[in-house]
């Protein structure tokens, strides 16, 4: 499968990626919360942040392993332009396995 380079953009803290798929570290630390939003994901009034990457003793390790700062990988993230605290219903829709958004028409023309 050929992959075309996709320009990565800075994370805006919308929470989409973390709410959709809890990382392996969050899942290991909170095994009883598998059907909930990861308890390490916190809304700080303007964006979501991961507590594991902040003051946790292994924060540097988590940042490296989760490629923090590497840029947004959700090329067509529907929450990216609407950063806000999400309702439980919105989060459940994403957590329940709603597929990633399909590429827009401009992206398909590149293929």
C-alpha atoms as a PDB file:
ATOM      1  CA  UNK A   1       0.000   0.000   0.000  1.00  0.00           C
ATOM      2  CA  UNK A   2       1.378   3.369  -0.947  1.00  0.00           C
ATOM      3  CA  UNK A   3       1.086   6.130   1.571  1.00  0.00           C
ATOM      4  CA  UNK A   4       1.266   9.697   0.481  1.00  0.00           C
ATOM      5  CA  UNK A   5       2.925  12.177   2.806  1.00  0.00           C
ATOM      6  CA  UNK A   6       0.367  14.035   4.848  1.00  0.00           C
ATOM      7  CA  UNK A   7       1.304  17.352   6.366  1.00  0.00           C
ATOM      8  CA  UNK A   8       1.087  17.069  10.128  1.00  0.00           C
ATOM      9  CA  UNK A   9      -0.214  19.992  12.089  1.00  0.00           C
ATOM     10  CA  UNK A  10       0.227  20.837  15.747  1.00  0.00           C
ATOM     11  CA  UNK A  11      -2.092  19.218  18.263  1.00  0.00           C
ATOM     12  CA  UNK A  12      -4.854  21.606  19.306  1.00  0.00           C
ATOM     13  CA  UNK A  13      -5.969  19.517  22.298  1.00  0.00           C
ATOM     14  CA  UNK A  14      -9.408  18.621  20.965  1.00  0.00           C
ATOM     15  CA  UNK A  15      -9.269  15.175  22.613  1.00  0.00           C
ATOM     16  CA  UNK A  16     -10.448  13.265  19.538  1.00  0.00           C
ATOM     17  CA  UNK A  17      -7.551  10.823  19.277  1.00  0.00           C
ATOM     18  CA  UNK A  18      -7.363  10.048  22.990  1.00  0.00           C
ATOM     19  CA  UNK A  19     -11.116   9.701  23.409  1.00  0.00           C
ATOM     20  CA  UNK A  20     -11.406   7.471  20.356  1.00  0.00           C
ATOM     21  CA  UNK A  21      -8.502   5.183  21.293  1.00  0.00           C
ATOM     22  CA  UNK A  22      -7.069   5.099  24.787  1.00  0.00           C
ATOM     23  CA  UNK A  23      -3.311   4.562  24.550  1.00  0.00           C
ATOM     24  CA  UNK A  24      -1.733   1.355  25.855  1.00  0.00           C
ATOM     25  CA  UNK A  25      -0.426   3.152  28.939  1.00  0.00           C
ATOM     26  CA  UNK A  26      -3.818   4.564  29.878  1.00  0.00           C
ATOM     27  CA  UNK A  27      -5.429   1.183  29.312  1.00  0.00           C
ATOM     28  CA  UNK A  28      -2.808  -0.576  31.464  1.00  0.00           C
ATOM     29  CA  UNK A  29      -3.092   1.940  34.292  1.00  0.00           C
ATOM     30  CA  UNK A  30      -6.905   1.928  34.248  1.00  0.00           C
ATOM     31  CA  UNK A  31      -8.008  -1.587  33.216  1.00  0.00           C
ATOM     32  CA  UNK A  32     -11.452  -1.194  34.778  1.00  0.00           C
ATOM     33  CA  UNK A  33     -12.202   1.915  32.710  1.00  0.00           C
ATOM     34  CA  UNK A  34     -11.982   0.252  29.295  1.00  0.00           C
ATOM     35  CA  UNK A  35     -15.442   1.460  28.238  1.00  0.00           C
ATOM     36  CA  UNK A  36     -14.901   5.016  29.503  1.00  0.00           C
ATOM     37  CA  UNK A  37     -12.791   7.999  28.557  1.00  0.00           C
ATOM     38  CA  UNK A  38      -9.284   7.555  29.938  1.00  0.00           C
ATOM     39  CA  UNK A  39      -9.091   9.126  33.420  1.00  0.00           C
ATOM     40  CA  UNK A  40      -5.696  10.593  32.448  1.00  0.00           C
ATOM     41  CA  UNK A  41      -7.332  12.851  29.824  1.00  0.00           C
ATOM     42  CA  UNK A  42      -8.294  16.139  31.450  1.00  0.00           C
ATOM     43  CA  UNK A  43     -10.122  19.247  30.219  1.00  0.00           C
ATOM     44  CA  UNK A  44      -8.280  22.362  31.455  1.00  0.00           C
ATOM     45  CA  UNK A  45     -10.750  24.990  30.304  1.00  0.00           C
ATOM     46  CA  UNK A  46      -9.323  25.576  26.819  1.00  0.00           C
ATOM     47  CA  UNK A  47      -8.111  22.138  25.676  1.00  0.00           C
ATOM     48  CA  UNK A  48      -7.600  18.534  26.670  1.00  0.00           C
ATOM     49  CA  UNK A  49      -4.263  17.425  28.129  1.00  0.00           C
ATOM     50  CA  UNK A  50      -2.898  14.027  29.100  1.00  0.00           C
ATOM     51  CA  UNK A  51      -1.863  13.856  32.734  1.00  0.00           C
ATOM     52  CA  UNK A  52       0.605  11.095  31.908  1.00  0.00           C
ATOM     53  CA  UNK A  53       2.647  13.548  29.853  1.00  0.00           C
ATOM     54  CA  UNK A  54       2.643  16.290  32.446  1.00  0.00           C
ATOM     55  CA  UNK A  55       3.688  15.684  36.035  1.00  0.00           C
ATOM     56  CA  UNK A  56       3.738  11.882  36.066  1.00  0.00           C
ATOM     57  CA  UNK A  57       7.143  10.446  37.153  1.00  0.00           C
ATOM     58  CA  UNK A  58       7.430   8.701  33.765  1.00  0.00           C
ATOM     59  CA  UNK A  59       6.217  11.715  31.757  1.00  0.00           C
ATOM     60  CA  UNK A  60       9.330  11.940  29.544  1.00  0.00           C
ATOM     61  CA  UNK A  61       9.034   8.234  28.690  1.00  0.00           C
ATOM     62  CA  UNK A  62       5.304   8.553  27.877  1.00  0.00           C
ATOM     63  CA  UNK A  63       5.911  11.640  25.711  1.00  0.00           C
ATOM     64  CA  UNK A  64       8.595   9.787  23.754  1.00  0.00           C
ATOM     65  CA  UNK A  65       6.640   6.564  23.319  1.00  0.00           C
ATOM     66  CA  UNK A  66       3.409   8.328  22.341  1.00  0.00           C
ATOM     67  CA  UNK A  67       5.305  10.676  20.004  1.00  0.00           C
ATOM     68  CA  UNK A  68       3.999  13.763  21.727  1.00  0.00           C
ATOM     69  CA  UNK A  69       4.695  16.851  19.664  1.00  0.00           C
ATOM     70  CA  UNK A  70       4.830  14.847  16.436  1.00  0.00           C
ATOM     71  CA  UNK A  71       1.718  16.517  15.086  1.00  0.00           C
ATOM     72  CA  UNK A  72      -1.901  15.584  14.540  1.00  0.00           C
ATOM     73  CA  UNK A  73      -2.359  12.359  12.604  1.00  0.00           C
ATOM     74  CA  UNK A  74      -6.100  12.728  12.095  1.00  0.00           C
ATOM     75  CA  UNK A  75      -6.058  14.332   8.679  1.00  0.00           C
ATOM     76  CA  UNK A  76      -9.803  14.888   8.675  1.00  0.00           C
ATOM     77  CA  UNK A  77     -10.555  15.181  12.389  1.00  0.00           C
ATOM     78  CA  UNK A  78     -14.084  16.602  12.828  1.00  0.00           C
ATOM     79  CA  UNK A  79     -13.296  18.042  16.294  1.00  0.00           C
ATOM     80  CA  UNK A  80     -10.099  19.859  15.331  1.00  0.00           C
ATOM     81  CA  UNK A  81     -11.826  23.143  14.490  1.00  0.00           C
ATOM     82  CA  UNK A  82     -14.213  22.961  17.449  1.00  0.00           C
ATOM     83  CA  UNK A  83     -12.085  22.468  20.577  1.00  0.00           C
ATOM     84  CA  UNK A  84     -14.392  22.258  23.585  1.00  0.00           C
ATOM     85  CA  UNK A  85     -15.392  20.001  26.432  1.00  0.00           C
ATOM     86  CA  UNK A  86     -17.265  17.089  24.872  1.00  0.00           C
ATOM     87  CA  UNK A  87     -20.476  15.618  26.184  1.00  0.00           C
ATOM     88  CA  UNK A  88     -20.639  11.987  27.255  1.00  0.00           C
ATOM     89  CA  UNK A  89     -22.864  11.269  24.245  1.00  0.00           C
ATOM     90  CA  UNK A  90     -20.274  12.702  21.827  1.00  0.00           C
ATOM     91  CA  UNK A  91     -17.512  10.729  23.485  1.00  0.00           C
ATOM     92  CA  UNK A  92     -19.527   7.486  23.475  1.00  0.00           C
ATOM     93  CA  UNK A  93     -20.106   7.836  19.736  1.00  0.00           C
ATOM     94  CA  UNK A  94     -16.371   8.024  19.118  1.00  0.00           C
ATOM     95  CA  UNK A  95     -15.401   5.373  21.700  1.00  0.00           C
ATOM     96  CA  UNK A  96     -17.969   2.927  20.372  1.00  0.00           C
ATOM     97  CA  UNK A  97     -15.987   2.482  17.186  1.00  0.00           C
ATOM     98  CA  UNK A  98     -17.339   5.096  14.836  1.00  0.00           C
ATOM     99  CA  UNK A  99     -14.945   4.900  11.893  1.00  0.00           C
ATOM    100  CA  UNK A 100     -12.439   7.647  11.280  1.00  0.00           C
ATOM    101  CA  UNK A 101     -13.913  10.328   9.041  1.00  0.00           C
ATOM    102  CA  UNK A 102     -13.510   9.584   5.380  1.00  0.00           C
ATOM    103  CA  UNK A 103     -11.165  11.777   3.365  1.00  0.00           C
ATOM    104  CA  UNK A 104     -12.723  14.776   1.729  1.00  0.00           C
ATOM    105  CA  UNK A 105     -13.035  15.060  -2.056  1.00  0.00           C
ATOM    106  CA  UNK A 106      -9.789  17.023  -2.413  1.00  0.00           C
ATOM    107  CA  UNK A 107      -7.822  14.263  -0.690  1.00  0.00           C
ATOM    108  CA  UNK A 108      -9.333  11.545  -2.888  1.00  0.00           C
ATOM    109  CA  UNK A 109      -8.212  13.379  -6.029  1.00  0.00           C
ATOM    110  CA  UNK A 110      -4.590  13.043  -4.845  1.00  0.00           C
ATOM    111  CA  UNK A 111      -4.775   9.251  -4.868  1.00  0.00           C
END
